[in-house]
């Protein structure tokens, strides 16, 4: 009997990402944000490279299954690019990533731009809407923060 494969949590700065993992992260983001959500936008925005950026993801058997990044913006931590591959959805990976991100962030204030339909989901982690709904790449979003 073989042990069940499981998702392994990883955290790294950009320079600590190996090329295979980086490719997996960028492919997952492209597959979901560009192809599945049909949004043509520059996912590779240069922010991944910033020294304070932390990449947090789950992988299984070398495949990136869920991901987010945390960017430091003058003392406020921005959570972004929260994504889970289609086959891994519904397993709580995104919630575990948010929890890990908040551990990494510690007691510093944090912000995110949530897709509007996920506002209540992020509220469970202490985020509150801080402004009006707006369209980003044709998808309704809301700004949120956590003191």
N, C-alpha and C. Protein backbone atom coordinates (compact mmCIF):
# COMPACT_ATOMS: atom_id res chain seq x y z
N UNK A 1 0.84 -1.18 0.00
CA UNK A 1 0.00 0.00 0.00
C UNK A 1 0.89 1.24 0.00
N UNK A 2 0.64 2.16 -0.93
CA UNK A 2 1.42 3.38 -1.03
C UNK A 2 0.78 4.48 -0.19
N UNK A 3 1.60 5.32 0.42
CA UNK A 3 1.01 6.44 1.17
C UNK A 3 0.33 7.41 0.21
N UNK A 4 -0.74 8.05 0.69
CA UNK A 4 -1.45 9.05 -0.10
C UNK A 4 -0.54 10.25 -0.34
N UNK A 5 -0.49 10.76 -1.55
CA UNK A 5 0.28 11.98 -1.78
C UNK A 5 -0.40 13.12 -1.03
N UNK A 6 0.38 14.08 -0.56
CA UNK A 6 -0.21 15.22 0.14
C UNK A 6 0.43 16.51 -0.34
N UNK A 7 -0.27 17.60 -0.04
CA UNK A 7 0.20 18.92 -0.44
C UNK A 7 1.20 19.42 0.59
N UNK A 8 2.32 19.92 0.11
CA UNK A 8 3.38 20.44 0.97
C UNK A 8 3.45 21.95 0.85
N UNK A 9 3.44 22.62 2.00
CA UNK A 9 3.50 24.08 2.05
C UNK A 9 4.94 24.54 1.85
N UNK A 10 5.11 25.59 1.02
CA UNK A 10 6.44 26.16 0.76
C UNK A 10 6.35 27.67 0.85
N UNK A 11 7.44 28.30 1.30
CA UNK A 11 7.56 29.76 1.36
C UNK A 11 8.97 30.10 0.89
N UNK A 12 9.09 31.10 0.00
CA UNK A 12 10.41 31.48 -0.50
C UNK A 12 10.40 32.91 -1.02
N UNK A 13 11.59 33.50 -1.02
CA UNK A 13 11.77 34.77 -1.72
C UNK A 13 11.96 34.43 -3.20
N UNK A 14 11.94 35.43 -4.06
CA UNK A 14 12.10 35.16 -5.49
C UNK A 14 13.43 34.47 -5.78
N UNK A 15 14.51 34.98 -5.19
CA UNK A 15 15.82 34.41 -5.52
C UNK A 15 16.00 32.99 -5.00
N UNK A 16 15.12 32.56 -4.08
CA UNK A 16 15.19 31.19 -3.57
C UNK A 16 14.29 30.22 -4.33
N UNK A 17 13.56 30.72 -5.33
CA UNK A 17 12.72 29.84 -6.16
C UNK A 17 13.59 29.17 -7.21
N UNK A 18 13.45 27.85 -7.34
CA UNK A 18 14.16 27.20 -8.45
C UNK A 18 13.33 27.40 -9.72
N UNK A 19 13.96 27.22 -10.86
CA UNK A 19 13.30 27.53 -12.13
C UNK A 19 12.07 26.67 -12.38
N UNK A 20 12.08 25.42 -11.97
CA UNK A 20 10.92 24.54 -12.17
C UNK A 20 9.73 25.03 -11.36
N UNK A 21 9.98 25.44 -10.12
CA UNK A 21 8.90 25.96 -9.28
C UNK A 21 8.39 27.28 -9.83
N UNK A 22 9.29 28.17 -10.23
CA UNK A 22 8.88 29.44 -10.81
C UNK A 22 8.00 29.21 -12.04
N UNK A 23 8.41 28.30 -12.90
CA UNK A 23 7.62 27.97 -14.08
C UNK A 23 6.23 27.49 -13.65
N UNK A 24 6.15 26.62 -12.65
CA UNK A 24 4.87 26.10 -12.16
C UNK A 24 3.97 27.20 -11.63
N UNK A 25 4.56 28.14 -10.89
CA UNK A 25 3.79 29.27 -10.35
C UNK A 25 3.24 30.13 -11.49
N UNK A 26 4.10 30.50 -12.43
CA UNK A 26 3.68 31.36 -13.52
C UNK A 26 2.66 30.66 -14.42
N UNK A 27 2.82 29.35 -14.63
CA UNK A 27 1.87 28.60 -15.44
C UNK A 27 0.51 28.55 -14.76
N UNK A 28 0.48 28.29 -13.45
CA UNK A 28 -0.79 28.25 -12.73
C UNK A 28 -1.49 29.60 -12.80
N UNK A 29 -0.75 30.67 -12.55
CA UNK A 29 -1.36 32.00 -12.61
C UNK A 29 -1.89 32.30 -14.01
N UNK A 30 -1.14 31.95 -15.04
CA UNK A 30 -1.58 32.18 -16.41
C UNK A 30 -2.80 31.32 -16.75
N UNK A 31 -2.76 30.04 -16.37
CA UNK A 31 -3.88 29.13 -16.66
C UNK A 31 -5.19 29.64 -16.08
N UNK A 32 -5.13 30.18 -14.85
CA UNK A 32 -6.36 30.61 -14.19
C UNK A 32 -6.71 32.06 -14.54
N UNK A 33 -5.78 32.99 -14.31
CA UNK A 33 -6.12 34.40 -14.46
C UNK A 33 -6.25 34.84 -15.92
N UNK A 34 -5.44 34.30 -16.81
CA UNK A 34 -5.47 34.73 -18.21
C UNK A 34 -6.42 33.85 -19.03
N UNK A 35 -6.26 32.53 -18.94
CA UNK A 35 -7.04 31.62 -19.79
C UNK A 35 -8.43 31.38 -19.22
N UNK A 36 -8.52 30.81 -18.00
CA UNK A 36 -9.82 30.45 -17.43
C UNK A 36 -10.71 31.68 -17.22
N UNK A 37 -10.14 32.77 -16.68
CA UNK A 37 -10.94 33.97 -16.41
C UNK A 37 -10.99 34.91 -17.62
N UNK A 38 -10.32 34.52 -18.69
CA UNK A 38 -10.36 35.26 -19.96
C UNK A 38 -10.00 36.74 -19.78
N UNK A 39 -8.87 36.98 -19.09
CA UNK A 39 -8.39 38.35 -18.86
C UNK A 39 -6.99 38.48 -19.45
N UNK A 40 -6.88 39.34 -20.44
CA UNK A 40 -5.56 39.59 -21.01
C UNK A 40 -4.94 40.73 -20.21
N UNK A 41 -3.93 40.40 -19.40
CA UNK A 41 -3.26 41.42 -18.59
C UNK A 41 -1.85 40.93 -18.31
N UNK A 42 -0.94 41.85 -17.95
CA UNK A 42 0.45 41.46 -17.69
C UNK A 42 0.64 40.87 -16.30
N UNK A 43 0.47 39.56 -16.17
CA UNK A 43 0.63 38.89 -14.88
C UNK A 43 2.04 39.09 -14.33
N UNK A 44 3.04 39.01 -15.18
CA UNK A 44 4.43 39.21 -14.75
C UNK A 44 4.69 40.70 -14.70
N UNK A 45 4.37 41.30 -13.55
CA UNK A 45 4.38 42.75 -13.37
C UNK A 45 5.65 43.29 -12.73
N UNK A 46 6.64 42.44 -12.51
CA UNK A 46 7.89 42.87 -11.89
C UNK A 46 7.86 42.82 -10.37
N UNK A 47 6.70 42.68 -9.78
CA UNK A 47 6.59 42.69 -8.31
C UNK A 47 7.10 41.39 -7.69
N UNK A 48 7.08 40.30 -8.45
CA UNK A 48 7.60 39.02 -7.94
C UNK A 48 9.07 39.13 -7.55
N UNK A 49 9.79 40.01 -8.25
CA UNK A 49 11.23 40.15 -8.07
C UNK A 49 11.63 41.00 -6.87
N UNK A 50 10.70 41.78 -6.33
CA UNK A 50 11.03 42.71 -5.26
C UNK A 50 11.58 41.96 -4.05
N UNK A 51 12.62 42.51 -3.42
CA UNK A 51 13.29 41.81 -2.31
C UNK A 51 12.35 41.42 -1.16
N UNK A 52 11.32 42.23 -0.87
CA UNK A 52 10.43 41.91 0.25
C UNK A 52 9.30 40.96 -0.09
N UNK A 53 9.19 40.56 -1.35
CA UNK A 53 8.09 39.70 -1.77
C UNK A 53 8.32 38.26 -1.29
N UNK A 54 7.28 37.68 -0.70
CA UNK A 54 7.32 36.28 -0.31
C UNK A 54 6.31 35.50 -1.14
N UNK A 55 6.75 34.37 -1.66
CA UNK A 55 5.90 33.49 -2.45
C UNK A 55 5.53 32.31 -1.56
N UNK A 56 4.23 32.02 -1.49
CA UNK A 56 3.74 30.94 -0.63
C UNK A 56 2.89 30.03 -1.51
N UNK A 57 3.16 28.74 -1.46
CA UNK A 57 2.42 27.83 -2.33
C UNK A 57 2.34 26.44 -1.74
N UNK A 58 1.41 25.67 -2.29
CA UNK A 58 1.31 24.24 -2.00
C UNK A 58 1.72 23.50 -3.26
N UNK A 59 2.51 22.46 -3.08
CA UNK A 59 2.85 21.61 -4.22
C UNK A 59 2.63 20.16 -3.83
N UNK A 60 2.37 19.37 -4.85
CA UNK A 60 2.22 17.93 -4.67
C UNK A 60 2.94 17.27 -5.84
N UNK A 61 3.85 16.37 -5.51
CA UNK A 61 4.61 15.66 -6.55
C UNK A 61 5.25 16.63 -7.54
N UNK A 62 5.78 17.74 -7.03
CA UNK A 62 6.47 18.70 -7.86
C UNK A 62 5.58 19.65 -8.64
N UNK A 63 4.26 19.54 -8.46
CA UNK A 63 3.33 20.40 -9.19
C UNK A 63 2.76 21.46 -8.25
N UNK A 64 2.78 22.73 -8.68
CA UNK A 64 2.23 23.83 -7.88
C UNK A 64 0.71 23.77 -8.00
N UNK A 65 0.02 23.63 -6.84
CA UNK A 65 -1.44 23.45 -6.84
C UNK A 65 -2.20 24.68 -6.34
N UNK A 66 -1.56 25.48 -5.52
CA UNK A 66 -2.19 26.71 -5.02
C UNK A 66 -1.06 27.67 -4.66
N UNK A 67 -1.34 28.98 -4.78
CA UNK A 67 -0.27 29.96 -4.65
C UNK A 67 -0.84 31.31 -4.23
N UNK A 68 -0.01 32.09 -3.56
CA UNK A 68 -0.24 33.52 -3.36
C UNK A 68 1.11 34.19 -3.13
N UNK A 69 1.11 35.52 -3.21
CA UNK A 69 2.33 36.26 -2.91
C UNK A 69 1.99 37.37 -1.92
N UNK A 70 3.00 37.75 -1.14
CA UNK A 70 2.88 38.84 -0.19
C UNK A 70 3.95 39.86 -0.55
N UNK A 71 3.51 41.10 -0.80
CA UNK A 71 4.42 42.18 -1.19
C UNK A 71 4.41 43.24 -0.10
N UNK A 72 5.59 43.71 0.29
CA UNK A 72 5.67 44.79 1.26
C UNK A 72 5.57 46.12 0.54
N UNK A 73 4.60 46.93 0.94
CA UNK A 73 4.41 48.26 0.37
C UNK A 73 4.50 49.29 1.49
N UNK A 74 5.71 49.74 1.78
CA UNK A 74 5.94 50.77 2.80
C UNK A 74 5.31 50.42 4.15
N UNK A 75 5.55 49.19 4.62
CA UNK A 75 5.07 48.77 5.93
C UNK A 75 3.71 48.10 5.93
N UNK A 76 3.01 48.14 4.80
CA UNK A 76 1.75 47.42 4.67
C UNK A 76 2.00 46.23 3.75
N UNK A 77 1.48 45.08 4.14
CA UNK A 77 1.69 43.85 3.36
C UNK A 77 0.49 43.65 2.43
N UNK A 78 0.76 43.47 1.15
CA UNK A 78 -0.29 43.24 0.16
C UNK A 78 -0.30 41.77 -0.24
N UNK A 79 -1.45 41.12 -0.01
CA UNK A 79 -1.66 39.74 -0.43
C UNK A 79 -2.26 39.78 -1.83
N UNK A 80 -1.70 39.00 -2.74
CA UNK A 80 -2.23 38.99 -4.09
C UNK A 80 -1.96 37.70 -4.83
N UNK A 81 -2.53 37.63 -6.02
CA UNK A 81 -2.37 36.48 -6.92
C UNK A 81 -2.79 35.17 -6.23
N UNK A 82 -3.85 35.23 -5.42
CA UNK A 82 -4.35 34.03 -4.74
C UNK A 82 -5.01 33.15 -5.79
N UNK A 83 -4.50 31.93 -5.95
CA UNK A 83 -4.97 31.07 -7.03
C UNK A 83 -4.84 29.59 -6.64
N UNK A 84 -5.82 28.80 -7.07
CA UNK A 84 -5.79 27.35 -6.86
C UNK A 84 -6.11 26.69 -8.19
N UNK A 85 -5.35 25.65 -8.53
CA UNK A 85 -5.63 24.95 -9.79
C UNK A 85 -7.00 24.29 -9.71
N UNK A 86 -7.63 24.17 -10.86
CA UNK A 86 -9.01 23.68 -10.94
C UNK A 86 -9.21 22.36 -10.20
N UNK A 87 -8.31 21.40 -10.40
CA UNK A 87 -8.46 20.07 -9.80
C UNK A 87 -8.24 20.05 -8.29
N UNK A 88 -7.67 21.13 -7.73
CA UNK A 88 -7.38 21.16 -6.30
C UNK A 88 -8.38 22.01 -5.52
N UNK A 89 -9.34 22.61 -6.20
CA UNK A 89 -10.30 23.49 -5.52
C UNK A 89 -11.22 22.70 -4.61
N UNK A 90 -11.67 23.37 -3.55
CA UNK A 90 -12.59 22.73 -2.61
C UNK A 90 -11.90 21.94 -1.52
N UNK A 91 -10.57 21.99 -1.47
CA UNK A 91 -9.82 21.25 -0.47
C UNK A 91 -9.25 22.15 0.64
N UNK A 92 -9.60 23.43 0.62
CA UNK A 92 -9.15 24.34 1.66
C UNK A 92 -7.74 24.87 1.50
N UNK A 93 -7.13 24.66 0.34
CA UNK A 93 -5.74 25.10 0.16
C UNK A 93 -5.61 26.62 0.21
N UNK A 94 -6.54 27.34 -0.41
CA UNK A 94 -6.47 28.81 -0.39
C UNK A 94 -6.55 29.33 1.03
N UNK A 95 -7.44 28.79 1.83
CA UNK A 95 -7.56 29.21 3.22
C UNK A 95 -6.30 28.94 4.02
N UNK A 96 -5.68 27.81 3.77
CA UNK A 96 -4.41 27.49 4.45
C UNK A 96 -3.31 28.45 4.00
N UNK A 97 -3.33 28.85 2.72
CA UNK A 97 -2.35 29.83 2.24
C UNK A 97 -2.56 31.19 2.89
N UNK A 98 -3.83 31.62 3.00
CA UNK A 98 -4.12 32.91 3.65
C UNK A 98 -3.66 32.86 5.10
N UNK A 99 -3.94 31.77 5.79
CA UNK A 99 -3.51 31.62 7.18
C UNK A 99 -2.00 31.70 7.29
N UNK A 100 -1.30 31.03 6.38
CA UNK A 100 0.18 31.08 6.39
C UNK A 100 0.67 32.49 6.07
N UNK A 101 0.03 33.15 5.12
CA UNK A 101 0.42 34.52 4.78
C UNK A 101 0.27 35.43 6.00
N UNK A 102 -0.82 35.27 6.74
CA UNK A 102 -1.03 36.10 7.93
C UNK A 102 -0.01 35.79 9.01
N UNK A 103 0.46 34.55 9.06
CA UNK A 103 1.54 34.20 10.00
C UNK A 103 2.83 34.89 9.58
N UNK A 104 3.13 34.86 8.28
CA UNK A 104 4.33 35.51 7.75
C UNK A 104 4.25 37.02 7.99
N UNK A 105 3.07 37.60 7.80
CA UNK A 105 2.87 39.04 7.96
C UNK A 105 2.99 39.46 9.43
N UNK A 106 2.55 38.60 10.32
CA UNK A 106 2.60 38.94 11.74
C UNK A 106 1.60 40.04 12.07
N UNK A 107 2.02 41.01 12.89
CA UNK A 107 1.08 42.05 13.32
C UNK A 107 1.10 43.30 12.44
N UNK A 108 1.74 43.22 11.28
CA UNK A 108 1.73 44.36 10.36
C UNK A 108 0.38 44.43 9.65
N UNK A 109 -0.06 45.64 9.29
CA UNK A 109 -1.33 45.76 8.56
C UNK A 109 -1.20 45.10 7.18
N UNK A 110 -2.34 44.59 6.68
CA UNK A 110 -2.32 43.95 5.37
C UNK A 110 -3.55 44.36 4.57
N UNK A 111 -3.39 44.31 3.25
CA UNK A 111 -4.46 44.67 2.33
C UNK A 111 -4.53 43.64 1.21
N UNK A 112 -5.67 43.62 0.53
CA UNK A 112 -5.83 42.81 -0.68
C UNK A 112 -6.96 43.39 -1.50
N UNK A 113 -7.00 43.04 -2.76
CA UNK A 113 -8.10 43.39 -3.65
C UNK A 113 -8.79 42.07 -3.98
N UNK A 114 -9.97 41.88 -3.39
CA UNK A 114 -10.69 40.62 -3.54
C UNK A 114 -11.67 40.69 -4.70
N UNK A 115 -11.83 39.58 -5.40
CA UNK A 115 -12.96 39.51 -6.32
C UNK A 115 -14.20 39.67 -5.46
N UNK A 116 -15.14 40.50 -5.90
CA UNK A 116 -16.28 40.89 -5.07
C UNK A 116 -17.04 39.70 -4.49
N UNK A 117 -17.18 38.63 -5.25
CA UNK A 117 -17.95 37.48 -4.75
C UNK A 117 -17.21 36.75 -3.61
N UNK A 118 -15.93 37.10 -3.38
CA UNK A 118 -15.15 36.46 -2.30
C UNK A 118 -15.00 37.36 -1.06
N UNK A 119 -15.72 38.47 -1.04
CA UNK A 119 -15.60 39.42 0.07
C UNK A 119 -15.87 38.75 1.42
N UNK A 120 -16.94 37.97 1.52
CA UNK A 120 -17.27 37.31 2.80
C UNK A 120 -16.23 36.25 3.16
N UNK A 121 -15.67 35.61 2.15
CA UNK A 121 -14.61 34.61 2.39
C UNK A 121 -13.42 35.28 3.10
N UNK A 122 -12.95 36.40 2.58
CA UNK A 122 -11.81 37.10 3.18
C UNK A 122 -12.17 37.73 4.52
N UNK A 123 -13.45 38.07 4.71
CA UNK A 123 -13.89 38.62 6.00
C UNK A 123 -13.65 37.60 7.12
N UNK A 124 -13.71 36.31 6.81
CA UNK A 124 -13.45 35.27 7.83
C UNK A 124 -12.02 35.34 8.37
N UNK A 125 -11.12 35.98 7.61
CA UNK A 125 -9.73 36.12 8.04
C UNK A 125 -9.47 37.50 8.64
N UNK A 126 -10.54 38.28 8.88
CA UNK A 126 -10.39 39.58 9.52
C UNK A 126 -10.29 40.75 8.56
N UNK A 127 -10.47 40.53 7.26
CA UNK A 127 -10.41 41.62 6.29
C UNK A 127 -11.76 42.33 6.21
N UNK A 128 -11.72 43.65 6.06
CA UNK A 128 -12.92 44.46 5.93
C UNK A 128 -12.84 45.28 4.65
N UNK A 129 -13.99 45.45 4.00
CA UNK A 129 -14.03 46.27 2.78
C UNK A 129 -13.72 47.71 3.14
N UNK A 130 -12.84 48.34 2.34
CA UNK A 130 -12.40 49.70 2.64
C UNK A 130 -12.76 50.71 1.56
N UNK A 131 -13.46 50.28 0.54
CA UNK A 131 -13.83 51.20 -0.53
C UNK A 131 -14.88 50.58 -1.42
N UNK A 132 -15.31 51.34 -2.43
CA UNK A 132 -16.36 50.84 -3.31
C UNK A 132 -15.88 49.75 -4.26
N UNK A 133 -16.84 48.97 -4.73
CA UNK A 133 -16.54 47.94 -5.73
C UNK A 133 -16.08 48.62 -7.02
N UNK A 134 -15.17 47.98 -7.73
CA UNK A 134 -14.66 48.51 -8.99
C UNK A 134 -14.38 47.34 -9.93
N UNK A 135 -14.25 47.64 -11.21
CA UNK A 135 -13.94 46.61 -12.20
C UNK A 135 -12.44 46.57 -12.46
N UNK A 136 -11.87 45.38 -12.41
CA UNK A 136 -10.48 45.17 -12.80
C UNK A 136 -10.49 44.04 -13.82
N UNK A 137 -10.05 44.32 -15.02
CA UNK A 137 -10.06 43.35 -16.11
C UNK A 137 -11.45 42.73 -16.30
N UNK A 138 -12.49 43.56 -16.13
CA UNK A 138 -13.86 43.11 -16.34
C UNK A 138 -14.45 42.31 -15.19
N UNK A 139 -13.72 42.16 -14.09
CA UNK A 139 -14.19 41.38 -12.94
C UNK A 139 -14.39 42.33 -11.75
N UNK A 140 -15.59 42.31 -11.10
CA UNK A 140 -15.80 43.17 -9.94
C UNK A 140 -14.86 42.79 -8.78
N UNK A 141 -14.22 43.81 -8.19
CA UNK A 141 -13.31 43.64 -7.07
C UNK A 141 -13.67 44.63 -5.97
N UNK A 142 -13.21 44.37 -4.76
CA UNK A 142 -13.35 45.31 -3.65
C UNK A 142 -12.00 45.40 -2.92
N UNK A 143 -11.62 46.62 -2.51
CA UNK A 143 -10.42 46.75 -1.69
C UNK A 143 -10.76 46.33 -0.26
N UNK A 144 -9.84 45.62 0.38
CA UNK A 144 -10.04 45.17 1.75
C UNK A 144 -8.76 45.34 2.55
N UNK A 145 -8.91 45.52 3.86
CA UNK A 145 -7.72 45.61 4.71
C UNK A 145 -7.95 44.91 6.03
N UNK A 146 -6.84 44.62 6.68
CA UNK A 146 -6.84 43.97 7.98
C UNK A 146 -5.85 44.75 8.83
N UNK A 147 -6.36 45.40 9.89
CA UNK A 147 -5.46 46.26 10.70
C UNK A 147 -4.35 45.48 11.39
